Amino acid sequence: MPYLAVAIPVGTFGDNYEPNMRVGGFLGFHVGSLVSLNLEGSLELMEKKNKPTDYSGIFFELALSPFFHVELGRIELIAGPKLGGFLSSESHMEYSTASDAGHGYLYGVNVGVLAAVGERLAIGGMASFTNRSFSKFCSTVSLGGEKVCSDASDRGTLSLSAVFMF
């Protein structure tokens, strides 16, 4: 089930970052008619407010995202938790080239509604909340190549997605 989303940074993460694009999908199977087990993968492009020159940033996520399904005729409601890990990378140029990289765990929730279109296709929307907690976060500046690792605050994102289920 692929999706295309607008990701909105929340909390202190939202103070420094703009809404951005997120693409991803779910791959899974049903365990009975009410539950499916899914692996979710996504790539989120980050956009900084007052961004430095040549800025680029991404989050790559991989999570276990089971769904509970409720069918109401041709409409299907889906909801479930998510738990997994992420990698992040940012690079920019101010007085010198700098890069930040980190990884950690994530948790959140997905809620959506799908409408059947034909025999094997459903389209709909989904809202997701993801909180990322860093295990490690390091910055490197090209002048001298010094690498500094420090604590990083959690980064929460609210995503609104268009989804397609085959």
Protein backbone atom coordinates (compact mmCIF):
# COMPACT_ATOMS: atom_id res chain seq x y z
CA MET A 1 0.00 0.00 0.00
CA PRO A 2 2.01 3.02 -1.22
CA TYR A 3 1.43 6.54 0.11
CA LEU A 4 2.36 10.14 -0.60
CA ALA A 5 2.16 12.55 2.34
CA VAL A 6 2.64 16.02 3.66
CA ALA A 7 4.70 15.75 6.88
CA ILE A 8 4.21 18.54 9.41
CA PRO A 9 6.88 18.86 12.12
CA VAL A 10 5.37 19.38 15.59
CA GLY A 11 6.65 20.63 18.95
CA THR A 12 10.13 22.13 19.05
CA PHE A 13 10.94 20.30 15.80
CA GLY A 14 8.24 22.46 14.15
CA ASP A 15 9.97 25.62 15.37
CA ASN A 16 12.92 24.99 13.02
CA TYR A 17 11.51 22.92 10.15
CA GLU A 18 8.90 23.48 7.42
CA PRO A 19 6.19 21.02 6.31
CA ASN A 20 7.71 18.67 3.76
CA MET A 21 7.14 15.64 1.53
CA ARG A 22 7.08 12.04 2.72
CA VAL A 23 6.79 8.92 0.54
CA GLY A 24 6.49 5.36 1.68
CA GLY A 25 4.46 2.24 1.81
CA PHE A 26 3.25 -0.78 3.72
CA LEU A 27 3.96 -4.39 2.82
CA GLY A 28 2.06 -7.00 4.74
CA PHE A 29 -0.55 -9.70 5.00
CA HIS A 30 -3.84 -10.33 6.79
CA VAL A 31 -4.05 -12.52 9.89
CA GLY A 32 -7.78 -13.13 9.80
CA SER A 33 -10.23 -10.47 8.63
CA LEU A 34 -9.61 -7.96 11.44
CA VAL A 35 -5.81 -7.75 11.69
CA SER A 36 -2.92 -7.30 9.27
CA LEU A 37 0.82 -7.36 10.01
CA ASN A 38 2.76 -4.76 8.01
CA LEU A 39 6.27 -3.49 7.53
CA GLU A 40 6.29 0.26 6.84
CA GLY A 41 9.14 2.01 5.08
CA SER A 42 9.33 5.74 4.38
CA LEU A 43 11.59 8.53 3.25
CA GLU A 44 10.92 12.05 4.50
CA LEU A 45 12.63 15.08 3.01
CA MET A 46 13.35 17.79 5.59
CA GLU A 47 13.10 21.50 4.86
CA LYS A 48 14.60 23.93 7.39
CA LYS A 49 13.17 27.36 8.15
CA ASN A 50 15.75 30.07 7.41
CA LYS A 51 17.74 27.31 5.77
CA PRO A 52 21.48 27.58 5.31
CA THR A 53 23.01 27.46 1.82
CA ASP A 54 22.88 24.09 0.03
CA TYR A 55 20.74 22.47 2.74
CA SER A 56 19.48 18.90 2.38
CA GLY A 57 18.00 16.59 4.97
CA ILE A 58 16.24 13.22 5.09
CA PHE A 59 14.74 10.71 7.51
CA PHE A 60 14.60 7.04 6.52
CA GLU A 61 12.25 4.92 8.64
CA LEU A 62 11.47 1.23 8.95
CA ALA A 63 8.71 0.14 11.35
CA LEU A 64 6.38 -2.69 12.26
CA SER A 65 2.90 -1.24 11.69
CA PRO A 66 0.05 -3.69 12.34
CA PHE A 67 -3.48 -2.59 11.41
CA PHE A 68 -6.85 -3.38 12.91
CA HIS A 69 -9.50 -3.39 10.15
CA VAL A 70 -13.22 -2.59 10.35
CA GLU A 71 -15.24 -3.01 7.16
CA LEU A 72 -18.40 -0.95 6.66
CA GLY A 73 -19.65 -2.02 3.25
CA ARG A 74 -17.23 -0.61 0.66
CA ILE A 75 -15.50 1.54 3.31
CA GLU A 76 -12.68 0.18 5.47
CA LEU A 77 -11.34 1.84 8.63
CA ILE A 78 -7.75 1.01 9.60
CA ALA A 79 -5.82 1.92 12.73
CA GLY A 80 -2.77 0.69 14.54
CA PRO A 81 0.48 1.43 16.33
CA LYS A 82 3.94 1.66 14.80
CA LEU A 83 7.31 0.85 16.32
CA GLY A 84 10.67 0.85 14.58
CA GLY A 85 13.89 2.67 13.87
CA PHE A 86 15.19 5.57 11.77
CA LEU A 87 18.29 7.10 10.26
CA SER A 88 18.66 10.84 9.69
CA SER A 89 21.12 12.88 7.67
CA GLU A 90 21.45 16.63 7.11
CA SER A 91 24.10 18.65 5.35
CA HIS A 92 24.50 22.38 4.80
CA MET A 93 27.01 25.09 4.16
CA GLU A 94 27.41 28.20 6.25
CA TYR A 95 31.04 29.20 6.79
CA SER A 96 32.09 25.63 5.98
CA THR A 97 30.37 22.40 5.06
CA ALA A 98 28.67 20.71 8.01
CA SER A 99 26.78 17.46 8.27
CA ASP A 100 24.60 15.93 10.98
CA ALA A 101 23.70 12.26 11.22
CA GLY A 102 21.76 10.26 13.74
CA HIS A 103 19.72 7.18 14.40
CA GLY A 104 17.28 5.95 17.00
CA TYR A 105 13.87 4.45 17.59
CA LEU A 106 10.40 5.66 16.65
CA TYR A 107 6.88 5.04 17.83
CA GLY A 108 3.52 6.33 16.71
CA VAL A 109 0.07 5.60 15.37
CA ASN A 110 -1.64 5.35 11.96
CA VAL A 111 -5.38 5.94 11.37
CA GLY A 112 -7.03 5.81 7.96
CA VAL A 113 -10.10 5.26 5.84
CA LEU A 114 -10.19 3.46 2.48
CA ALA A 115 -12.94 3.19 -0.13
CA ALA A 116 -13.12 0.18 -2.45
CA VAL A 117 -12.78 1.03 -6.14
CA GLY A 118 -13.41 -2.13 -8.13
CA GLU A 119 -12.41 -5.63 -7.03
CA ARG A 120 -8.77 -5.19 -5.93
CA LEU A 121 -8.17 -1.47 -5.44
CA ALA A 122 -8.97 0.90 -2.59
CA ILE A 123 -8.04 4.56 -2.22
CA GLY A 124 -8.25 6.78 0.81
CA GLY A 125 -6.49 8.93 3.36
CA MET A 126 -4.43 8.33 6.46
CA ALA A 127 -3.21 10.45 9.36
CA SER A 128 -0.07 9.38 11.20
CA PHE A 129 1.85 10.63 14.18
CA THR A 130 5.50 9.60 14.53
CA ASN A 131 7.86 10.50 17.38
CA ARG A 132 11.57 9.91 16.78
CA SER A 133 13.93 9.56 19.74
CA PHE A 134 17.66 9.76 18.94
CA SER A 135 20.05 7.13 20.32
CA LYS A 136 23.01 8.89 18.69
CA PHE A 137 23.38 12.28 16.97
CA CYS A 138 26.71 13.57 15.62
CA SER A 139 27.80 16.71 13.75
CA THR A 140 30.90 17.03 11.58
CA VAL A 141 32.37 20.30 10.27
CA SER A 142 34.66 20.08 7.23
CA LEU A 143 37.19 22.57 8.66
CA GLY A 144 39.36 20.24 10.70
CA GLY A 145 36.88 17.35 10.30
CA GLU A 146 35.96 17.43 13.98
CA LYS A 147 33.07 15.13 14.88
CA VAL A 148 30.97 16.07 17.90
CA CYS A 149 28.25 13.78 19.26
CA SER A 150 25.56 15.14 21.55
CA ASP A 151 22.01 14.64 22.72
CA ALA A 152 19.25 15.63 20.31
CA SER A 153 15.66 16.39 21.16
CA ASP A 154 12.83 14.13 20.00
CA ARG A 155 11.35 15.02 16.62
CA GLY A 156 7.62 14.55 16.15
CA THR A 157 5.80 14.61 12.83
CA LEU A 158 2.13 14.60 11.88
CA SER A 159 1.62 13.21 8.35
CA LEU A 160 -1.46 13.45 6.15
CA SER A 161 -1.34 10.85 3.35
CA ALA A 162 -3.12 9.76 0.23
CA VAL A 163 -3.02 5.92 0.23
CA PHE A 164 -3.64 3.27 -2.42
CA MET A 165 -4.23 -0.38 -1.49
CA PHE A 166 -3.86 -3.15 -4.06
